[in-house]
C-alpha atoms as a PDB file:
ATOM      1  CA  MET A   1     -41.203  24.104   9.894  1.00  0.00           C
ATOM      2  CA  GLY A   2     -38.248  24.405   7.526  1.00  0.00           C
ATOM      3  CA  LEU A   3     -34.748  23.161   8.137  1.00  0.00           C
ATOM      4  CA  LEU A   4     -31.853  25.480   8.912  1.00  0.00           C
ATOM      5  CA  THR A   5     -28.979  24.510   6.610  1.00  0.00           C
ATOM      6  CA  PHE A   6     -25.478  25.890   7.109  1.00  0.00           C
ATOM      7  CA  SER A   7     -23.528  26.159   3.869  1.00  0.00           C
ATOM      8  CA  ILE A   8     -20.118  27.677   3.302  1.00  0.00           C
ATOM      9  CA  ASN A   9     -16.926  27.329   1.275  1.00  0.00           C
ATOM     10  CA  LEU A  10     -13.975  25.957   3.198  1.00  0.00           C
ATOM     11  CA  THR A  11     -10.475  24.751   2.497  1.00  0.00           C
ATOM     12  CA  LEU A  12      -9.034  21.457   3.684  1.00  0.00           C
ATOM     13  CA  ASP A  13      -7.561  23.216   6.730  1.00  0.00           C
ATOM     14  CA  GLY A  14     -10.914  24.799   7.623  1.00  0.00           C
ATOM     15  CA  CYS A  15     -10.329  28.320   6.289  1.00  0.00           C
ATOM     16  CA  VAL A  16     -13.591  30.083   5.430  1.00  0.00           C
ATOM     17  CA  ASP A  17     -12.063  33.179   3.796  1.00  0.00           C
ATOM     18  CA  HIS A  18     -14.293  33.617   0.730  1.00  0.00           C
ATOM     19  CA  ARG A  19     -11.258  34.517  -1.409  1.00  0.00           C
ATOM     20  CA  GLU A  20      -9.678  31.072  -0.923  1.00  0.00           C
ATOM     21  CA  GLY A  21     -12.230  28.941  -2.781  1.00  0.00           C
ATOM     22  CA  VAL A  22     -12.390  27.968  -6.427  1.00  0.00           C
ATOM     23  CA  ALA A  23     -14.785  30.386  -8.135  1.00  0.00           C
ATOM     24  CA  ASP A  24     -16.038  28.862 -11.363  1.00  0.00           C
ATOM     25  CA  ASP A  25     -19.376  28.213 -13.043  1.00  0.00           C
ATOM     26  CA  GLU A  26     -19.774  24.842 -11.309  1.00  0.00           C
ATOM     27  CA  THR A  27     -19.189  26.179  -7.778  1.00  0.00           C
ATOM     28  CA  HIS A  28     -21.521  29.118  -8.444  1.00  0.00           C
ATOM     29  CA  ALA A  29     -24.147  26.708  -9.765  1.00  0.00           C
ATOM     30  CA  PHE A  30     -23.817  24.718  -6.509  1.00  0.00           C
ATOM     31  CA  PHE A  31     -24.674  27.751  -4.378  1.00  0.00           C
ATOM     32  CA  THR A  32     -27.350  28.970  -6.796  1.00  0.00           C
ATOM     33  CA  ARG A  33     -29.060  25.582  -6.518  1.00  0.00           C
ATOM     34  CA  LEU A  34     -28.909  25.746  -2.703  1.00  0.00           C
ATOM     35  CA  MET A  35     -30.405  29.229  -2.746  1.00  0.00           C
ATOM     36  CA  ASP A  36     -33.137  28.118  -5.176  1.00  0.00           C
ATOM     37  CA  GLU A  37     -34.059  25.246  -2.849  1.00  0.00           C
ATOM     38  CA  SER A  38     -34.343  27.451   0.232  1.00  0.00           C
ATOM     39  CA  GLY A  39     -37.013  29.929   1.232  1.00  0.00           C
ATOM     40  CA  ALA A  40     -34.723  32.518   2.810  1.00  0.00           C
ATOM     41  CA  MET A  41     -31.098  33.460   3.478  1.00  0.00           C
ATOM     42  CA  LEU A  42     -29.703  34.089   6.971  1.00  0.00           C
ATOM     43  CA  TRP A  43     -26.524  36.030   7.681  1.00  0.00           C
ATOM     44  CA  GLY A  44     -24.718  37.895  10.408  1.00  0.00           C
ATOM     45  CA  ARG A  45     -24.052  41.603   9.927  1.00  0.00           C
ATOM     46  CA  THR A  46     -20.498  41.179   8.593  1.00  0.00           C
ATOM     47  CA  THR A  47     -21.538  38.712   5.883  1.00  0.00           C
ATOM     48  CA  TYR A  48     -24.564  40.837   4.991  1.00  0.00           C
ATOM     49  CA  GLU A  49     -22.367  43.905   4.561  1.00  0.00           C
ATOM     50  CA  MET A  50     -19.884  41.987   2.405  1.00  0.00           C
ATOM     51  CA  MET A  51     -22.727  40.713   0.192  1.00  0.00           C
ATOM     52  CA  GLU A  52     -24.512  44.079   0.141  1.00  0.00           C
ATOM     53  CA  SER A  53     -21.358  45.832  -1.072  1.00  0.00           C
ATOM     54  CA  TYR A  54     -21.263  43.867  -4.353  1.00  0.00           C
ATOM     55  CA  TRP A  55     -24.280  41.768  -5.350  1.00  0.00           C
ATOM     56  CA  PRO A  56     -26.965  44.486  -5.704  1.00  0.00           C
ATOM     57  CA  ALA A  57     -24.694  46.302  -8.194  1.00  0.00           C
ATOM     58  CA  VAL A  58     -24.285  43.077 -10.203  1.00  0.00           C
ATOM     59  CA  ALA A  59     -28.064  42.534 -10.200  1.00  0.00           C
ATOM     60  CA  ARG A  60     -28.626  46.099 -11.470  1.00  0.00           C
ATOM     61  CA  GLY A  61     -25.978  45.676 -14.184  1.00  0.00           C
ATOM     62  CA  ASP A  62     -23.709  48.338 -12.636  1.00  0.00           C
ATOM     63  CA  GLU A  63     -20.912  45.764 -12.197  1.00  0.00           C
ATOM     64  CA  GLU A  64     -19.804  43.623 -15.107  1.00  0.00           C
ATOM     65  CA  ALA A  65     -19.933  39.922 -14.262  1.00  0.00           C
ATOM     66  CA  PRO A  66     -20.124  36.542 -16.021  1.00  0.00           C
ATOM     67  CA  PRO A  67     -23.611  35.097 -16.645  1.00  0.00           C
ATOM     68  CA  ALA A  68     -23.418  32.647 -13.682  1.00  0.00           C
ATOM     69  CA  LEU A  69     -22.738  35.540 -11.296  1.00  0.00           C
ATOM     70  CA  VAL A  70     -25.478  37.704 -12.783  1.00  0.00           C
ATOM     71  CA  GLU A  71     -27.937  34.806 -12.381  1.00  0.00           C
ATOM     72  CA  TRP A  72     -26.891  34.451  -8.712  1.00  0.00           C
ATOM     73  CA  ALA A  73     -27.181  38.205  -8.111  1.00  0.00           C
ATOM     74  CA  VAL A  74     -30.655  38.522  -9.634  1.00  0.00           C
ATOM     75  CA  LYS A  75     -31.969  35.564  -7.635  1.00  0.00           C
ATOM     76  CA  LEU A  76     -30.320  36.861  -4.461  1.00  0.00           C
ATOM     77  CA  GLU A  77     -31.935  40.257  -4.983  1.00  0.00           C
ATOM     78  CA  ALA A  78     -35.386  38.630  -4.917  1.00  0.00           C
ATOM     79  CA  LYS A  79     -34.688  36.174  -2.064  1.00  0.00           C
ATOM     80  CA  PRO A  80     -35.747  37.125   1.483  1.00  0.00           C
ATOM     81  CA  LYS A  81     -32.602  37.931   3.459  1.00  0.00           C
ATOM     82  CA  TYR A  82     -32.550  37.924   7.276  1.00  0.00           C
ATOM     83  CA  VAL A  83     -29.759  39.541   9.250  1.00  0.00           C
ATOM     84  CA  VAL A  84     -28.776  39.051  12.867  1.00  0.00           C
ATOM     85  CA  SER A  85     -27.153  42.170  14.281  1.00  0.00           C
ATOM     86  CA  SER A  86     -27.013  43.935  17.595  1.00  0.00           C
ATOM     87  CA  THR A  87     -25.214  46.972  16.143  1.00  0.00           C
ATOM     88  CA  ARG A  88     -27.007  47.744  12.902  1.00  0.00           C
ATOM     89  CA  LYS A  89     -30.730  48.416  12.548  1.00  0.00           C
ATOM     90  CA  ASP A  90     -31.110  49.601   8.934  1.00  0.00           C
ATOM     91  CA  PHE A  91     -30.939  47.046   6.093  1.00  0.00           C
ATOM     92  CA  PRO A  92     -31.911  48.804   2.836  1.00  0.00           C
ATOM     93  CA  TRP A  93     -31.014  46.005   0.387  1.00  0.00           C
ATOM     94  CA  ALA A  94     -34.190  44.650  -1.254  1.00  0.00           C
ATOM     95  CA  ASN A  95     -36.053  42.020   0.779  1.00  0.00           C
ATOM     96  CA  SER A  96     -33.769  42.373   3.817  1.00  0.00           C
ATOM     97  CA  HIS A  97     -35.124  41.932   7.331  1.00  0.00           C
ATOM     98  CA  HIS A  98     -33.579  42.363  10.769  1.00  0.00           C
ATOM     99  CA  ILE A  99     -33.662  39.670  13.442  1.00  0.00           C
ATOM    100  CA  ALA A 100     -33.326  41.469  16.746  1.00  0.00           C
ATOM    101  CA  GLY A 101     -33.722  40.442  20.350  1.00  0.00           C
ATOM    102  CA  ASP A 102     -33.443  36.849  21.524  1.00  0.00           C
ATOM    103  CA  LEU A 103     -31.411  34.885  18.963  1.00  0.00           C
ATOM    104  CA  ARG A 104     -32.991  31.503  19.690  1.00  0.00           C
ATOM    105  CA  ALA A 105     -36.547  32.844  19.476  1.00  0.00           C
ATOM    106  CA  GLY A 106     -35.890  34.935  16.370  1.00  0.00           C
ATOM    107  CA  VAL A 107     -34.255  32.133  14.371  1.00  0.00           C
ATOM    108  CA  GLN A 108     -36.795  29.547  15.521  1.00  0.00           C
ATOM    109  CA  LYS A 109     -39.600  31.879  14.414  1.00  0.00           C
ATOM    110  CA  LEU A 110     -37.901  32.238  11.016  1.00  0.00           C
ATOM    111  CA  LYS A 111     -37.570  28.437  10.663  1.00  0.00           C
ATOM    112  CA  ASP A 112     -41.223  27.968  11.637  1.00  0.00           C
ATOM    113  CA  ALA A 113     -42.345  30.549   9.055  1.00  0.00           C
ATOM    114  CA  THR A 114     -40.187  29.208   6.206  1.00  0.00           C
ATOM    115  CA  PRO A 115     -41.305  25.700   5.122  1.00  0.00           C
ATOM    116  CA  ALA A 116     -38.781  25.629   2.243  1.00  0.00           C
ATOM    117  CA  GLY A 117     -35.976  26.098   4.764  1.00  0.00           C
ATOM    118  CA  VAL A 118     -33.402  28.729   5.606  1.00  0.00           C
ATOM    119  CA  LEU A 119     -29.876  28.823   4.173  1.00  0.00           C
ATOM    120  CA  LEU A 120     -27.286  30.109   6.643  1.00  0.00           C
ATOM    121  CA  GLY A 121     -24.052  31.463   5.204  1.00  0.00           C
ATOM    122  CA  SER A 122     -22.135  33.057   8.106  1.00  0.00           C
ATOM    123  CA  GLY A 123     -19.432  31.229  10.037  1.00  0.00           C
ATOM    124  CA  LYS A 124     -19.547  33.206  13.280  1.00  0.00           C
ATOM    125  CA  LEU A 125     -23.332  33.105  13.371  1.00  0.00           C
ATOM    126  CA  ALA A 126     -23.232  29.341  12.713  1.00  0.00           C
ATOM    127  CA  THR A 127     -21.145  28.869  15.850  1.00  0.00           C
ATOM    128  CA  GLU A 128     -23.771  30.670  17.929  1.00  0.00           C
ATOM    129  CA  LEU A 129     -26.661  28.802  16.310  1.00  0.00           C
ATOM    130  CA  ASP A 130     -24.939  25.442  16.837  1.00  0.00           C
ATOM    131  CA  ARG A 131     -24.515  26.334  20.510  1.00  0.00           C
ATOM    132  CA  LEU A 132     -28.304  26.812  20.545  1.00  0.00           C
ATOM    133  CA  ASP A 133     -28.884  23.491  18.709  1.00  0.00           C
ATOM    134  CA  LEU A 134     -30.706  25.228  15.840  1.00  0.00           C
ATOM    135  CA  ILE A 135     -28.772  23.995  12.765  1.00  0.00           C
ATOM    136  CA  ASP A 136     -30.265  20.891  11.139  1.00  0.00           C
ATOM    137  CA  GLU A 137     -28.012  20.305   8.128  1.00  0.00           C
ATOM    138  CA  TYR A 138     -24.588  21.200   6.754  1.00  0.00           C
ATOM    139  CA  LYS A 139     -23.829  21.540   3.044  1.00  0.00           C
ATOM    140  CA  PHE A 140     -20.185  22.432   2.675  1.00  0.00           C
ATOM    141  CA  LEU A 141     -18.128  22.931  -0.444  1.00  0.00           C
ATOM    142  CA  ILE A 142     -14.638  21.740   0.475  1.00  0.00           C
ATOM    143  CA  HIS A 143     -11.979  23.185  -1.804  1.00  0.00           C
ATOM    144  CA  PRO A 144      -8.700  21.441  -2.710  1.00  0.00           C
ATOM    145  CA  ARG A 145      -6.561  24.043  -0.992  1.00  0.00           C
ATOM    146  CA  ILE A 146      -4.676  24.520   2.243  1.00  0.00           C
ATOM    147  CA  ALA A 147      -4.867  28.207   3.080  1.00  0.00           C
ATOM    148  CA  GLY A 148      -2.601  28.268   6.109  1.00  0.00           C
ATOM    149  CA  HIS A 149      -4.550  31.150   7.667  1.00  0.00           C
ATOM    150  CA  GLY A 150      -7.944  32.016   9.067  1.00  0.00           C
ATOM    151  CA  PRO A 151     -10.637  32.707   9.696  1.00  0.00           C
ATOM    152  CA  THR A 152     -11.441  29.076  10.314  1.00  0.00           C
ATOM    153  CA  LEU A 153     -14.697  27.247  10.836  1.00  0.00           C
ATOM    154  CA  TYR A 154     -15.748  27.196  14.503  1.00  0.00           C
ATOM    155  CA  GLN A 155     -12.600  28.954  15.675  1.00  0.00           C
ATOM    156  CA  GLY A 156     -14.678  30.257  18.580  1.00  0.00           C
ATOM    157  CA  GLY A 157     -15.232  26.668  19.731  1.00  0.00           C
ATOM    158  CA  LEU A 158     -18.292  24.676  20.666  1.00  0.00           C
ATOM    159  CA  PRO A 159     -19.198  23.257  24.079  1.00  0.00           C
ATOM    160  CA  SER A 160     -19.061  19.680  22.751  1.00  0.00           C
ATOM    161  CA  THR A 161     -18.500  17.653  19.608  1.00  0.00           C
ATOM    162  CA  LEU A 162     -21.412  17.532  17.165  1.00  0.00           C
ATOM    163  CA  GLN A 163     -22.222  14.128  15.691  1.00  0.00           C
ATOM    164  CA  LEU A 164     -23.215  14.228  12.028  1.00  0.00           C
ATOM    165  CA  GLU A 165     -24.554  11.669   9.550  1.00  0.00           C
ATOM    166  CA  LEU A 166     -23.339  11.736   5.941  1.00  0.00           C
ATOM    167  CA  VAL A 167     -26.184  12.221   3.461  1.00  0.00           C
ATOM    168  CA  SER A 168     -24.091  12.614   0.314  1.00  0.00           C
ATOM    169  CA  ALA A 169     -20.693  13.555  -1.091  1.00  0.00           C
ATOM    170  CA  GLU A 170     -20.079  14.594  -4.687  1.00  0.00           C
ATOM    171  CA  PRO A 171     -16.814  15.628  -6.336  1.00  0.00           C
ATOM    172  CA  LEU A 172     -16.842  18.592  -8.705  1.00  0.00           C
ATOM    173  CA  ARG A 173     -14.641  18.904 -11.814  1.00  0.00           C
ATOM    174  CA  CYS A 174     -12.486  21.581 -10.136  1.00  0.00           C
ATOM    175  CA  GLY A 175     -11.505  19.148  -7.361  1.00  0.00           C
ATOM    176  CA  ALA A 176     -13.845  20.568  -4.727  1.00  0.00           C
ATOM    177  CA  VAL A 177     -16.206  18.168  -2.970  1.00  0.00           C
ATOM    178  CA  SER A 178     -19.743  19.029  -1.944  1.00  0.00           C
ATOM    179  CA  VAL A 179     -20.703  17.272   1.279  1.00  0.00           C
ATOM    180  CA  HIS A 180     -24.131  17.124   2.873  1.00  0.00           C
ATOM    181  CA  TYR A 181     -24.416  16.130   6.547  1.00  0.00           C
ATOM    182  CA  ARG A 182     -27.397  15.973   8.873  1.00  0.00           C
ATOM    183  CA  ARG A 183     -27.291  16.388  12.648  1.00  0.00           C
ATOM    184  CA  ALA A 184     -27.393  12.966  14.333  1.00  0.00           C
ATOM    185  CA  ARG A 185     -30.259  13.264  16.811  1.00  0.00           C
END
């Protein structure tokens, strides 16, 4: 069974708006490495649609992008992508699969079938999966910014505080800090 790792960009005040982070070669390399280490990606419908609207075009060469972004796009194209949605059934992007029905059973089945682990990149979905006690690790990239707006991490709330154990923390040249936590069991 693989681990379910939640990874996302966030500002010091918890904003997870993807436009608020530092986007440079080093931060892209961070997420490329995480994707390379995992066996599959897991998103909610909204994140999938945001990703689907841009990255396939970069992978095909239809959108001009720097080499680090092209590398990400090509690898993402090949990576299995799983989407949780109750409103959308069709996911035409290459290697995309729908998780329907019971959320706990569907994600647990994905974890069981993916020994290299699953990388979760959707904030709202993370809240639901934490409520179900399915997330094993957290690898956040904390950016040196205070956004002053949302959306924020876990703004929907959790039933209780989650205890985490620090595995590592590493500063990047841009001032962001990558942190790796594990659920304290």
